[in-house]
Amino acid sequence: MLERDIERYLVRRVKDIGGIAYKFVSPAHRGVADRLVVLPGGVVWFVEVKKVGGRMSTLQELFKRDMVKLGQNYMTLWDTQDVDTFIKGVKE
């Protein structure tokens, strides 16, 4: 499965639970997460989407580290099963 297919699935599943999965692009800062997932109740997640067998770049790893260090919600999703698990977790 391609990353774009996993990303589309994520967008649809987030919408199903009342959220929005914004495409996140920051021209001045390469390596930012693919999606900014905004959920009801003021919950926000930075979500990176990768296909199984893919790898995160050094800049993506740095972004992840920075977000975790700042106490932000960050998740890397590798397939549609990860998306389903993520959705189940944020609904609870």
N, C-alpha and C. Protein backbone atom coordinates (compact mmCIF):
# COMPACT_ATOMS: atom_id res chain seq x y z
N MET A 1 0.85 -1.18 0.00
CA MET A 1 0.00 0.00 0.00
C MET A 1 0.90 1.24 0.00
N LEU A 2 0.52 2.22 -0.79
CA LEU A 2 1.29 3.46 -0.90
C LEU A 2 0.97 4.42 0.25
N GLU A 3 1.92 5.30 0.54
CA GLU A 3 1.70 6.29 1.61
C GLU A 3 0.46 7.13 1.35
N ARG A 4 0.25 7.51 0.10
CA ARG A 4 -0.91 8.37 -0.19
C ARG A 4 -2.22 7.65 0.11
N ASP A 5 -2.26 6.33 -0.08
CA ASP A 5 -3.46 5.57 0.23
C ASP A 5 -3.70 5.51 1.75
N ILE A 6 -2.63 5.34 2.50
CA ILE A 6 -2.75 5.33 3.97
C ILE A 6 -3.18 6.71 4.44
N GLU A 7 -2.61 7.75 3.84
CA GLU A 7 -2.95 9.12 4.22
C GLU A 7 -4.42 9.44 3.91
N ARG A 8 -4.90 9.01 2.77
CA ARG A 8 -6.32 9.21 2.43
C ARG A 8 -7.23 8.49 3.43
N TYR A 9 -6.82 7.29 3.79
CA TYR A 9 -7.59 6.52 4.76
C TYR A 9 -7.62 7.25 6.10
N LEU A 10 -6.49 7.79 6.52
CA LEU A 10 -6.43 8.56 7.76
C LEU A 10 -7.38 9.75 7.71
N VAL A 11 -7.35 10.50 6.63
CA VAL A 11 -8.22 11.67 6.48
C VAL A 11 -9.68 11.28 6.62
N ARG A 12 -10.06 10.19 5.97
CA ARG A 12 -11.45 9.72 6.03
C ARG A 12 -11.84 9.28 7.43
N ARG A 13 -10.97 8.54 8.09
CA ARG A 13 -11.27 8.04 9.44
C ARG A 13 -11.35 9.18 10.45
N VAL A 14 -10.46 10.17 10.31
CA VAL A 14 -10.50 11.33 11.22
C VAL A 14 -11.81 12.09 11.02
N LYS A 15 -12.22 12.27 9.77
CA LYS A 15 -13.48 12.96 9.46
C LYS A 15 -14.65 12.20 10.08
N ASP A 16 -14.60 10.87 10.03
CA ASP A 16 -15.68 10.04 10.58
C ASP A 16 -15.90 10.28 12.07
N ILE A 17 -14.85 10.69 12.79
CA ILE A 17 -15.00 10.92 14.23
C ILE A 17 -15.12 12.41 14.55
N GLY A 18 -15.36 13.22 13.53
CA GLY A 18 -15.63 14.64 13.75
C GLY A 18 -14.41 15.54 13.74
N GLY A 19 -13.27 15.03 13.28
CA GLY A 19 -12.05 15.82 13.25
C GLY A 19 -11.68 16.24 11.84
N ILE A 20 -10.56 16.94 11.75
CA ILE A 20 -10.01 17.38 10.47
C ILE A 20 -8.53 17.01 10.45
N ALA A 21 -8.08 16.45 9.34
CA ALA A 21 -6.66 16.10 9.17
C ALA A 21 -6.07 17.03 8.11
N TYR A 22 -5.55 18.15 8.57
CA TYR A 22 -4.96 19.14 7.66
C TYR A 22 -3.65 18.63 7.09
N LYS A 23 -3.44 18.87 5.80
CA LYS A 23 -2.14 18.61 5.19
C LYS A 23 -1.21 19.68 5.73
N PHE A 24 -0.10 19.26 6.30
CA PHE A 24 0.81 20.18 6.98
C PHE A 24 2.07 20.34 6.14
N VAL A 25 2.30 21.56 5.64
CA VAL A 25 3.49 21.86 4.86
C VAL A 25 4.11 23.12 5.43
N SER A 26 5.39 23.07 5.71
CA SER A 26 6.10 24.23 6.22
C SER A 26 7.36 24.42 5.38
N PRO A 27 7.28 25.27 4.34
CA PRO A 27 8.41 25.42 3.42
C PRO A 27 9.74 25.76 4.10
N ALA A 28 9.70 26.48 5.18
CA ALA A 28 10.94 26.88 5.86
C ALA A 28 11.48 25.78 6.77
N HIS A 29 10.67 24.73 7.03
CA HIS A 29 11.09 23.68 7.95
C HIS A 29 10.79 22.31 7.34
N ARG A 30 11.76 21.76 6.64
CA ARG A 30 11.58 20.43 6.08
C ARG A 30 11.55 19.40 7.20
N GLY A 31 10.81 18.33 6.99
CA GLY A 31 10.75 17.25 7.97
C GLY A 31 9.53 17.28 8.87
N VAL A 32 8.66 18.29 8.70
CA VAL A 32 7.47 18.35 9.55
C VAL A 32 6.55 17.17 9.22
N ALA A 33 5.67 16.85 10.16
CA ALA A 33 4.73 15.73 9.98
C ALA A 33 3.81 15.99 8.79
N ASP A 34 3.30 14.92 8.19
CA ASP A 34 2.43 15.02 7.02
C ASP A 34 1.09 15.68 7.34
N ARG A 35 0.53 15.35 8.49
CA ARG A 35 -0.82 15.80 8.83
C ARG A 35 -0.88 16.39 10.23
N LEU A 36 -1.69 17.41 10.34
CA LEU A 36 -2.02 18.00 11.63
C LEU A 36 -3.46 17.60 11.90
N VAL A 37 -3.65 16.65 12.80
CA VAL A 37 -4.97 16.09 13.08
C VAL A 37 -5.58 16.86 14.25
N VAL A 38 -6.70 17.54 13.96
CA VAL A 38 -7.40 18.34 14.97
C VAL A 38 -8.70 17.62 15.30
N LEU A 39 -8.84 17.29 16.59
CA LEU A 39 -9.98 16.50 17.04
C LEU A 39 -10.88 17.30 17.98
N PRO A 40 -12.12 16.88 18.11
CA PRO A 40 -13.01 17.54 19.07
C PRO A 40 -12.39 17.58 20.46
N GLY A 41 -12.70 18.63 21.19
CA GLY A 41 -12.19 18.75 22.55
C GLY A 41 -10.81 19.39 22.63
N GLY A 42 -10.34 19.95 21.52
CA GLY A 42 -9.06 20.65 21.54
C GLY A 42 -7.83 19.76 21.47
N VAL A 43 -8.00 18.53 21.03
CA VAL A 43 -6.88 17.59 20.93
C VAL A 43 -6.25 17.71 19.54
N VAL A 44 -4.92 17.86 19.52
CA VAL A 44 -4.19 18.01 18.26
C VAL A 44 -3.05 17.00 18.23
N TRP A 45 -2.88 16.36 17.08
CA TRP A 45 -1.80 15.38 16.87
C TRP A 45 -1.01 15.77 15.63
N PHE A 46 0.31 15.62 15.69
CA PHE A 46 1.17 15.66 14.51
C PHE A 46 1.32 14.22 14.06
N VAL A 47 0.94 13.94 12.80
CA VAL A 47 0.95 12.56 12.32
C VAL A 47 1.80 12.44 11.06
N GLU A 48 2.79 11.56 11.12
CA GLU A 48 3.62 11.22 9.97
C GLU A 48 3.09 9.90 9.40
N VAL A 49 2.96 9.82 8.08
CA VAL A 49 2.48 8.61 7.42
C VAL A 49 3.61 8.02 6.59
N LYS A 50 3.85 6.74 6.80
CA LYS A 50 4.87 6.00 6.04
C LYS A 50 4.28 4.67 5.61
N LYS A 51 4.78 4.16 4.50
CA LYS A 51 4.38 2.81 4.10
C LYS A 51 5.28 1.81 4.80
N VAL A 52 4.79 0.60 4.94
CA VAL A 52 5.59 -0.46 5.54
C VAL A 52 6.85 -0.60 4.70
N GLY A 53 7.98 -0.65 5.36
CA GLY A 53 9.26 -0.74 4.67
C GLY A 53 9.88 0.62 4.39
N GLY A 54 9.11 1.68 4.60
CA GLY A 54 9.64 3.02 4.41
C GLY A 54 10.51 3.40 5.60
N ARG A 55 11.11 4.59 5.52
CA ARG A 55 11.92 5.03 6.65
C ARG A 55 11.76 6.53 6.82
N MET A 56 11.94 6.97 8.02
CA MET A 56 11.87 8.40 8.30
C MET A 56 13.22 9.03 8.01
N SER A 57 13.18 10.22 7.43
CA SER A 57 14.43 10.94 7.16
C SER A 57 15.00 11.48 8.46
N THR A 58 16.24 11.90 8.40
CA THR A 58 16.87 12.49 9.58
C THR A 58 16.08 13.71 10.06
N LEU A 59 15.62 14.55 9.13
CA LEU A 59 14.85 15.73 9.52
C LEU A 59 13.51 15.35 10.13
N GLN A 60 12.88 14.30 9.64
CA GLN A 60 11.63 13.83 10.24
C GLN A 60 11.86 13.30 11.65
N GLU A 61 12.96 12.59 11.84
CA GLU A 61 13.30 12.10 13.19
C GLU A 61 13.56 13.26 14.14
N LEU A 62 14.23 14.31 13.65
CA LEU A 62 14.47 15.50 14.48
C LEU A 62 13.16 16.20 14.85
N PHE A 63 12.25 16.31 13.87
CA PHE A 63 10.96 16.92 14.15
C PHE A 63 10.21 16.12 15.22
N LYS A 64 10.21 14.80 15.05
CA LYS A 64 9.55 13.93 16.03
C LYS A 64 10.15 14.15 17.42
N ARG A 65 11.45 14.15 17.50
CA ARG A 65 12.12 14.35 18.79
C ARG A 65 11.73 15.69 19.41
N ASP A 66 11.72 16.74 18.59
CA ASP A 66 11.36 18.06 19.09
C ASP A 66 9.92 18.09 19.61
N MET A 67 9.00 17.48 18.89
CA MET A 67 7.60 17.48 19.31
C MET A 67 7.42 16.72 20.62
N VAL A 68 8.07 15.57 20.72
CA VAL A 68 7.97 14.77 21.95
C VAL A 68 8.60 15.56 23.11
N LYS A 69 9.74 16.18 22.87
CA LYS A 69 10.41 16.97 23.90
C LYS A 69 9.52 18.12 24.39
N LEU A 70 8.73 18.69 23.49
CA LEU A 70 7.83 19.79 23.83
C LEU A 70 6.50 19.31 24.40
N GLY A 71 6.34 18.00 24.53
CA GLY A 71 5.11 17.45 25.10
C GLY A 71 3.94 17.41 24.14
N GLN A 72 4.22 17.47 22.84
CA GLN A 72 3.16 17.44 21.85
C GLN A 72 2.78 15.99 21.53
N ASN A 73 1.57 15.81 21.02
CA ASN A 73 1.11 14.50 20.56
C ASN A 73 1.70 14.24 19.18
N TYR A 74 2.44 13.14 19.05
CA TYR A 74 3.07 12.79 17.77
C TYR A 74 2.89 11.30 17.54
N MET A 75 2.60 10.94 16.28
CA MET A 75 2.41 9.53 15.95
C MET A 75 2.90 9.29 14.52
N THR A 76 3.54 8.14 14.32
CA THR A 76 3.88 7.68 12.98
C THR A 76 2.99 6.48 12.68
N LEU A 77 2.30 6.53 11.55
CA LEU A 77 1.40 5.45 11.14
C LEU A 77 1.96 4.78 9.89
N TRP A 78 2.04 3.45 9.93
CA TRP A 78 2.70 2.69 8.87
C TRP A 78 1.73 1.95 7.95
N ASP A 79 0.48 1.81 8.35
CA ASP A 79 -0.50 1.11 7.51
C ASP A 79 -1.90 1.43 8.02
N THR A 80 -2.91 0.90 7.34
CA THR A 80 -4.29 1.21 7.72
C THR A 80 -4.64 0.62 9.09
N GLN A 81 -4.01 -0.47 9.47
CA GLN A 81 -4.25 -1.04 10.80
C GLN A 81 -3.76 -0.06 11.87
N ASP A 82 -2.61 0.57 11.63
CA ASP A 82 -2.13 1.60 12.56
C ASP A 82 -3.12 2.76 12.64
N VAL A 83 -3.70 3.14 11.50
CA VAL A 83 -4.69 4.22 11.49
C VAL A 83 -5.88 3.82 12.36
N ASP A 84 -6.37 2.59 12.18
CA ASP A 84 -7.52 2.13 12.96
C ASP A 84 -7.20 2.13 14.47
N THR A 85 -6.00 1.69 14.82
CA THR A 85 -5.58 1.68 16.22
C THR A 85 -5.49 3.10 16.76
N PHE A 86 -4.94 4.01 15.97
CA PHE A 86 -4.84 5.43 16.35
C PHE A 86 -6.24 6.01 16.59
N ILE A 87 -7.16 5.77 15.66
CA ILE A 87 -8.52 6.31 15.79
C ILE A 87 -9.19 5.75 17.03
N LYS A 88 -9.05 4.45 17.25
CA LYS A 88 -9.64 3.84 18.45
C LYS A 88 -9.08 4.49 19.71
N GLY A 89 -7.79 4.75 19.74
CA GLY A 89 -7.15 5.34 20.91
C GLY A 89 -7.57 6.78 21.17
N VAL A 90 -7.76 7.56 20.12
CA VAL A 90 -8.13 8.97 20.33
C VAL A 90 -9.61 9.13 20.62
N LYS A 91 -10.41 8.13 20.29
CA LYS A 91 -11.85 8.18 20.59
C LYS A 91 -12.12 7.90 22.06
N GLU A 92 -11.22 7.17 22.72
CA GLU A 92 -11.46 6.75 24.11
C GLU A 92 -11.22 7.87 25.08
